[in-house]
Amino acid sequence: MNILIAGGAGFLGSHFCDLLIEKGHTVCCVDNLITGKKGNIQHLLNNKNFKFKKVDIVKIFSIKEKFDTVINFASIASPIYYNTYKIETLLVGSYGTYNLLELARKNKAKFLFTSTSEIYGNPVISPQKETYWGNVNPIGARSMYDESKRFSEALIMNYHKVYGIDTKIVRIFNTYGPRMNIDDGRVIPQFIYQALHNKPITVFGDGKQTRSLCFVSDLISGIYKLLMSKENLPINIGSPCELTIKKIAKIIIKLTNSKSKIVYKPLPEDDPKRRKPDITKAKQILKWQPKISLEEGLLKTIEYFKELTK
């Protein structure tokens, strides 16, 4: 396939570019580099099946070639960044998604969108199934991210119904691995950075809130299986292995042989108390489940950050 991927220079998007090239597809990666990094795709720039264009998908853009598939990884996904770029986050999940859907419609192309577990907000049920509508504050501290994804999902499903586009929506749960931005404020890069430098590990609240951590290669393989499937409804991809934030901090301290101590700070507004995906659909429809153990994935990520901070 000839594939356009927006946000392809980001953490997840760049790994997906790698997989698409490995599978023999040709890839046009577009990114405005607001949080993505050209270094994430540097190794692909001389590949004849890959090209990069600096494009802001919020604006009208024109690429004069035919695409079989349009993929939207473009998003400002970390709390620090989407609170810095509030309006940009909302626009990429509205105008950006609309512009890419129009491109897919005109090309009669397949369309894949990377949504998020934030769709479920601060859930009152666990694990979270795709049929759960969520508990989301539409004007809160995380609303720019949550609502951009919720609007995108609504727009995509209605393009599917009205125009018959073959659409795919993946709801991504907590994912970690090499190429994460070390300063993005999410749990894994923050804890690893602090542990490697023997700084206090910052845990918000009492540390009893949970996350379910999936290594990036597992997530990417699941998304590819969804792309190649016939499924059009949203599907969870993530690890059902649920751990408290405090437990994650202790594991990272141990794996890094750090002298860091845990310190506690007030819980941010609307910080979700639980994250645990129900991946029954992924198992049944995609024949997918994560394979990489938490320790194996964390050690690979720690090595990446060691090199990055030398």
Protein backbone atom coordinates (compact mmCIF):
# COMPACT_ATOMS: atom_id res chain seq x y z
CA MET A 1 0.00 0.00 0.00
CA ASN A 2 0.95 3.65 -0.43
CA ILE A 3 0.32 5.14 3.00
CA LEU A 4 0.17 8.66 4.37
CA ILE A 5 0.83 8.82 8.12
CA ALA A 6 0.30 12.06 10.03
CA GLY A 7 2.29 12.48 13.23
CA GLY A 8 4.79 9.98 11.91
CA ALA A 9 7.79 11.66 13.57
CA GLY A 10 6.34 11.22 17.05
CA PHE A 11 6.98 8.47 19.59
CA LEU A 12 4.33 6.02 18.37
CA GLY A 13 4.10 7.28 14.79
CA SER A 14 7.81 6.75 14.12
CA HIS A 15 7.64 3.15 15.37
CA PHE A 16 4.64 2.57 13.12
CA CYS A 17 6.58 4.01 10.16
CA ASP A 18 9.30 1.43 10.89
CA LEU A 19 6.78 -1.41 10.86
CA LEU A 20 5.08 -0.22 7.66
CA ILE A 21 8.44 -0.03 5.85
CA GLU A 22 9.38 -3.47 7.21
CA LYS A 23 6.08 -4.83 5.83
CA GLY A 24 6.93 -3.52 2.35
CA HIS A 25 4.64 -0.49 2.13
CA THR A 26 5.60 2.95 0.84
CA VAL A 27 5.19 5.70 3.42
CA CYS A 28 4.69 9.45 3.25
CA CYS A 29 5.22 10.80 6.77
CA VAL A 30 3.81 14.25 7.53
CA ASP A 31 4.42 16.07 10.81
CA ASN A 32 4.64 19.70 11.94
CA LEU A 33 7.28 18.68 14.55
CA ILE A 34 5.53 20.52 17.40
CA THR A 35 6.24 17.50 19.63
CA GLY A 36 7.56 14.99 17.08
CA LYS A 37 11.26 14.87 16.27
CA LYS A 38 12.95 14.38 12.94
CA GLY A 39 15.58 12.34 14.78
CA ASN A 40 12.96 9.64 15.35
CA ILE A 41 12.80 8.99 11.59
CA GLN A 42 16.38 9.95 10.63
CA HIS A 43 17.24 6.32 9.92
CA LEU A 44 14.41 6.14 7.33
CA LEU A 45 15.19 9.28 5.32
CA ASN A 46 17.43 7.49 2.80
CA ASN A 47 14.96 4.63 2.30
CA LYS A 48 13.46 4.78 -1.20
CA ASN A 49 10.05 3.75 0.19
CA PHE A 50 9.91 6.57 2.73
CA LYS A 51 9.57 10.33 2.47
CA PHE A 52 9.01 13.10 5.01
CA LYS A 53 7.10 16.35 4.55
CA LYS A 54 6.75 19.05 7.20
CA VAL A 55 3.00 19.64 7.14
CA ASP A 56 0.47 21.11 9.58
CA ILE A 57 -2.65 18.99 9.05
CA VAL A 58 -4.81 21.65 10.74
CA LYS A 59 -4.28 23.80 7.64
CA ILE A 60 -5.43 22.92 4.14
CA PHE A 61 -2.61 21.03 2.45
CA SER A 62 -2.11 19.35 -0.90
CA ILE A 63 -0.08 16.25 -1.69
CA LYS A 64 -0.37 15.21 -5.31
CA GLU A 65 -0.29 11.46 -5.11
CA LYS A 66 -2.75 8.64 -4.60
CA PHE A 67 -2.93 6.97 -1.19
CA ASP A 68 -4.45 3.60 -0.37
CA THR A 69 -4.45 4.33 3.37
CA VAL A 70 -4.46 7.47 5.52
CA ILE A 71 -3.34 7.11 9.15
CA ASN A 72 -3.67 9.76 11.86
CA PHE A 73 -1.19 9.51 14.74
CA ALA A 74 -1.04 13.32 14.99
CA SER A 75 -1.77 14.52 18.52
CA ILE A 76 -0.22 16.34 21.44
CA ALA A 77 -0.43 13.49 23.92
CA SER A 78 1.35 14.39 27.16
CA PRO A 79 -0.19 16.55 29.91
CA ILE A 80 2.73 18.98 29.93
CA TYR A 81 2.53 19.51 26.17
CA TYR A 82 -1.24 19.67 25.76
CA ASN A 83 -1.47 22.15 28.62
CA THR A 84 1.17 24.24 26.83
CA TYR A 85 -0.56 23.89 23.44
CA LYS A 86 -4.21 23.84 24.49
CA ILE A 87 -5.80 25.24 21.32
CA GLU A 88 -3.43 23.36 19.00
CA THR A 89 -4.46 20.10 20.70
CA LEU A 90 -8.14 20.79 20.08
CA LEU A 91 -7.56 21.85 16.48
CA VAL A 92 -5.49 18.80 15.51
CA GLY A 93 -8.33 16.59 16.79
CA SER A 94 -10.96 18.53 14.85
CA TYR A 95 -9.70 20.35 11.73
CA GLY A 96 -6.75 17.96 11.46
CA THR A 97 -8.90 14.84 11.57
CA TYR A 98 -11.40 16.43 9.16
CA ASN A 99 -8.69 17.30 6.61
CA LEU A 100 -7.30 13.76 6.70
CA LEU A 101 -10.77 12.23 6.39
CA GLU A 102 -11.39 14.37 3.33
CA LEU A 103 -8.11 13.15 1.86
CA ALA A 104 -9.17 9.55 2.53
CA ARG A 105 -12.62 10.16 1.01
CA LYS A 106 -11.18 11.69 -2.17
CA ASN A 107 -8.68 8.83 -2.50
CA LYS A 108 -11.25 6.15 -1.58
CA ALA A 109 -8.66 5.14 1.01
CA LYS A 110 -8.76 3.22 4.27
CA PHE A 111 -8.51 5.45 7.37
CA LEU A 112 -6.97 4.61 10.76
CA PHE A 113 -7.12 6.85 13.83
CA THR A 114 -5.19 6.53 17.08
CA SER A 115 -7.57 7.40 19.88
CA THR A 116 -6.92 7.02 23.60
CA SER A 117 -7.98 5.47 26.87
CA GLU A 118 -8.66 9.08 27.94
CA ILE A 119 -11.97 8.57 26.10
CA TYR A 120 -13.06 6.85 29.32
CA GLY A 121 -11.99 9.77 31.55
CA ASN A 122 -11.90 8.88 35.24
CA PRO A 123 -13.73 5.54 34.86
CA VAL A 124 -16.30 4.24 37.31
CA ILE A 125 -15.96 0.71 35.90
CA SER A 126 -12.87 -1.44 35.53
CA PRO A 127 -11.62 -2.90 33.28
CA GLN A 128 -12.81 -0.48 30.61
CA LYS A 129 -14.70 -2.02 27.69
CA GLU A 130 -15.19 -0.33 24.33
CA THR A 131 -18.92 -0.10 25.08
CA TYR A 132 -18.28 2.11 28.15
CA TRP A 133 -19.14 5.77 27.42
CA GLY A 134 -16.76 7.18 29.99
CA ASN A 135 -16.74 9.73 32.80
CA VAL A 136 -15.14 12.80 31.26
CA ASN A 137 -15.01 16.44 32.38
CA PRO A 138 -15.56 18.37 29.10
CA ILE A 139 -14.13 21.64 30.49
CA GLY A 140 -11.46 20.32 32.87
CA ALA A 141 -7.67 20.33 32.91
CA ARG A 142 -7.44 17.42 30.44
CA SER A 143 -10.43 18.42 28.30
CA MET A 144 -8.38 19.71 25.36
CA TYR A 145 -6.96 16.20 24.85
CA ASP A 146 -10.00 14.13 25.88
CA GLU A 147 -12.50 16.08 23.81
CA SER A 148 -10.28 16.32 20.74
CA LYS A 149 -10.17 12.52 20.67
CA ARG A 150 -13.89 12.13 21.42
CA PHE A 151 -14.80 14.56 18.64
CA SER A 152 -12.46 12.78 16.22
CA GLU A 153 -14.11 9.43 16.98
CA ALA A 154 -17.58 10.90 16.36
CA LEU A 155 -16.46 12.50 13.09
CA ILE A 156 -14.77 9.30 11.90
CA MET A 157 -17.74 7.07 12.63
CA ASN A 158 -20.06 9.43 10.79
CA TYR A 159 -17.72 9.52 7.76
CA HIS A 160 -17.92 5.73 7.85
CA LYS A 161 -21.73 5.83 7.94
CA VAL A 162 -22.23 8.62 5.39
CA TYR A 163 -19.41 7.93 2.89
CA GLY A 164 -18.70 4.25 3.52
CA ILE A 165 -15.01 4.85 4.32
CA ASP A 166 -13.28 1.80 5.80
CA THR A 167 -12.36 3.38 9.14
CA LYS A 168 -10.38 1.98 12.08
CA ILE A 169 -10.22 3.45 15.60
CA VAL A 170 -7.68 2.17 18.13
CA ARG A 171 -8.00 3.24 21.76
CA ILE A 172 -4.44 3.25 23.05
CA PHE A 173 -3.73 2.60 26.71
CA ASN A 174 -0.54 3.58 28.57
CA THR A 175 2.38 2.83 26.25
CA TYR A 176 6.10 3.30 26.86
CA GLY A 177 9.42 2.65 25.17
CA PRO A 178 12.33 4.22 23.29
CA ARG A 179 11.73 7.59 21.56
CA MET A 180 9.49 8.98 24.29
CA ASN A 181 10.34 12.60 25.03
CA ILE A 182 12.15 12.66 28.36
CA ASP A 183 10.50 15.95 29.39
CA ASP A 184 6.88 15.09 28.54
CA GLY A 185 5.79 14.50 32.13
CA ARG A 186 4.36 11.03 31.68
CA VAL A 187 5.04 8.41 34.33
CA ILE A 188 7.69 6.24 32.66
CA PRO A 189 10.05 8.89 31.23
CA GLN A 190 9.69 11.05 34.33
CA PHE A 191 10.42 8.21 36.76
CA ILE A 192 13.32 6.86 34.70
CA TYR A 193 14.93 10.30 34.33
CA GLN A 194 14.59 10.98 38.06
CA ALA A 195 15.89 7.50 38.98
CA LEU A 196 18.91 7.69 36.66
CA HIS A 197 19.90 11.00 38.25
CA ASN A 198 19.11 9.85 41.82
CA LYS A 199 16.55 12.61 42.14
CA PRO A 200 13.34 12.25 44.19
CA ILE A 201 10.66 10.25 42.32
CA THR A 202 7.59 12.48 42.08
CA VAL A 203 4.36 10.58 42.75
CA PHE A 204 1.11 12.52 42.63
CA GLY A 205 -1.61 11.77 45.17
CA ASP A 206 -1.12 8.69 47.34
CA GLY A 207 0.28 6.64 44.46
CA LYS A 208 -2.61 4.19 44.56
CA GLN A 209 -4.00 5.25 41.18
CA THR A 210 -3.27 2.63 38.52
CA ARG A 211 -1.88 2.40 35.01
CA SER A 212 -1.58 -0.56 32.65
CA LEU A 213 1.72 -0.42 30.79
CA CYS A 214 2.22 -1.80 27.27
CA PHE A 215 5.60 -1.83 25.51
CA VAL A 216 5.63 0.05 22.23
CA SER A 217 6.42 -2.93 19.95
CA ASP A 218 3.40 -4.83 21.29
CA LEU A 219 1.12 -1.85 20.77
CA ILE A 220 2.36 -1.24 17.22
CA SER A 221 1.81 -4.88 16.23
CA GLY A 222 -1.75 -4.67 17.54
CA ILE A 223 -2.46 -1.48 15.57
CA TYR A 224 -1.15 -3.10 12.40
CA LYS A 225 -3.43 -6.09 12.93
CA LEU A 226 -6.35 -3.67 13.28
CA LEU A 227 -5.33 -1.86 10.08
CA MET A 228 -5.42 -5.12 8.17
CA SER A 229 -8.71 -6.27 9.74
CA LYS A 230 -12.34 -5.67 8.75
CA GLU A 231 -13.25 -4.11 12.11
CA ASN A 232 -14.72 -0.59 12.01
CA LEU A 233 -15.74 -0.03 15.63
CA PRO A 234 -13.26 1.22 18.27
CA ILE A 235 -10.99 -1.39 19.81
CA ASN A 236 -8.77 -1.26 22.92
CA ILE A 237 -5.07 -2.02 22.50
CA GLY A 238 -3.02 -2.15 25.68
CA SER A 239 -1.84 -4.31 28.53
CA PRO A 240 -4.36 -5.56 31.11
CA CYS A 241 -1.55 -5.80 33.70
CA GLU A 242 -2.64 -3.12 36.18
CA LEU A 243 -0.12 -1.60 38.61
CA THR A 244 -0.24 1.29 41.07
CA ILE A 245 1.88 4.34 40.32
CA LYS A 246 3.76 3.72 43.58
CA LYS A 247 4.57 0.14 42.50
CA ILE A 248 5.82 1.35 39.11
CA ALA A 249 8.12 3.84 40.87
CA LYS A 250 9.55 1.11 43.09
CA ILE A 251 10.18 -1.19 40.10
CA ILE A 252 12.05 1.55 38.24
CA ILE A 253 14.16 2.41 41.30
CA LYS A 254 15.12 -1.27 41.54
CA LEU A 255 15.91 -1.71 37.82
CA THR A 256 18.08 1.42 37.73
CA ASN A 257 19.84 0.68 41.03
CA SER A 258 18.83 4.20 41.99
CA LYS A 259 19.21 5.94 45.33
CA SER A 260 16.05 7.94 44.65
CA LYS A 261 13.32 8.25 47.27
CA ILE A 262 9.61 8.64 46.53
CA VAL A 263 8.07 12.05 47.31
CA TYR A 264 4.36 12.80 47.15
CA LYS A 265 2.68 15.84 45.62
CA PRO A 266 -1.01 16.82 45.24
CA LEU A 267 -2.97 14.92 42.59
CA PRO A 268 -3.63 17.04 39.47
CA GLU A 269 -7.21 17.87 38.50
CA ASP A 270 -9.08 15.01 36.76
CA ASP A 271 -6.11 12.63 36.96
CA PRO A 272 -7.68 9.20 36.28
CA LYS A 273 -7.77 6.86 39.28
CA ARG A 274 -7.71 3.63 37.25
CA ARG A 275 -6.55 2.44 33.85
CA LYS A 276 -7.10 -1.14 32.79
CA PRO A 277 -8.25 -2.17 29.31
CA ASP A 278 -10.60 -5.01 28.57
CA ILE A 279 -8.83 -6.50 25.53
CA THR A 280 -11.35 -9.26 24.82
CA LYS A 281 -12.16 -7.77 21.40
CA ALA A 282 -8.47 -7.53 20.46
CA LYS A 283 -7.94 -11.15 21.46
CA GLN A 284 -10.99 -12.41 19.60
CA ILE A 285 -10.94 -10.25 16.46
CA LEU A 286 -7.25 -9.48 16.01
CA LYS A 287 -5.76 -12.55 17.73
CA TRP A 288 -3.56 -10.06 19.60
CA GLN A 289 -2.29 -9.70 23.14
CA PRO A 290 0.91 -8.18 24.56
CA LYS A 291 4.02 -10.38 24.78
CA ILE A 292 6.79 -8.22 26.25
CA SER A 293 7.07 -8.42 30.05
CA LEU A 294 7.15 -5.21 32.07
CA GLU A 295 10.73 -5.82 33.23
CA GLU A 296 11.98 -6.52 29.69
CA GLY A 297 10.27 -3.43 28.31
CA LEU A 298 11.45 -1.18 31.12
CA LEU A 299 15.07 -2.35 30.77
CA LYS A 300 14.99 -1.48 27.04
CA THR A 301 13.52 1.92 27.84
CA ILE A 302 16.04 2.58 30.61
CA GLU A 303 18.92 1.80 28.22
CA TYR A 304 17.47 4.26 25.69
CA PHE A 305 17.28 7.04 28.27
CA LYS A 306 20.79 6.25 29.54
CA GLU A 307 22.13 6.86 26.01
CA LEU A 308 19.96 9.97 25.62
CA THR A 309 21.22 11.59 28.80
CA LYS A 310 24.93 10.83 28.43
